Amino acid sequence: MLIDTIAQDQTSALKNHAEETLATLRLLLSEIKNKQIELQKELSDEEVVSVIRRQVKQLTDSRDMFEKGGRNDLVAENTSQIEILKKYLPSELGDDELVAEIERIMRENAETIAKNTNAVFGIVIGQLKSKADPSRITKILKEKLGT
């Protein structure tokens, strides 16, 4: 399981004195543990990936704010933390593959979309969230729908 891989990598980072990797993985495992407590169950790999994506998004948002504030030291720190976390994310679909998948899902759910255009966001993101970043999916959907 993915959580086991992360725990093993944390142990390796501890033994190798990789302080930044160790701190990043400790924070990630803490977030995973909090999610397990919240849901009162062990997380599946897909749920762990969701936690990692949320962490990456938070770090990216923070990095953007640090860039605006001129805090280059913190920008570099957040960038390296993002790279550490991205190792645990599955490779994402390319743009062409993602567009093809979105179009396929839209065709399969044409009736639902005709009744409620906004329903497409939930349907598509629900099916593709493990294969691509939801912000990419939303961007492509907005282009397709002309909104």
Foldseek 3Di string as FASTA:
>chain_A
DLLVVLVVVLVVCVVVVVVLLNVLSVVLNVQLVVVCVVVVHHDDLLVSLVSLLVVLVVLVVVLVVCVVVVVVVSNVSSVVSSVSSVVSADAADDPVVLLVLLVVQCVVCVVVCVVPVVVSLVSSCVVCVSRDPSVSNVVSSCVVVVD
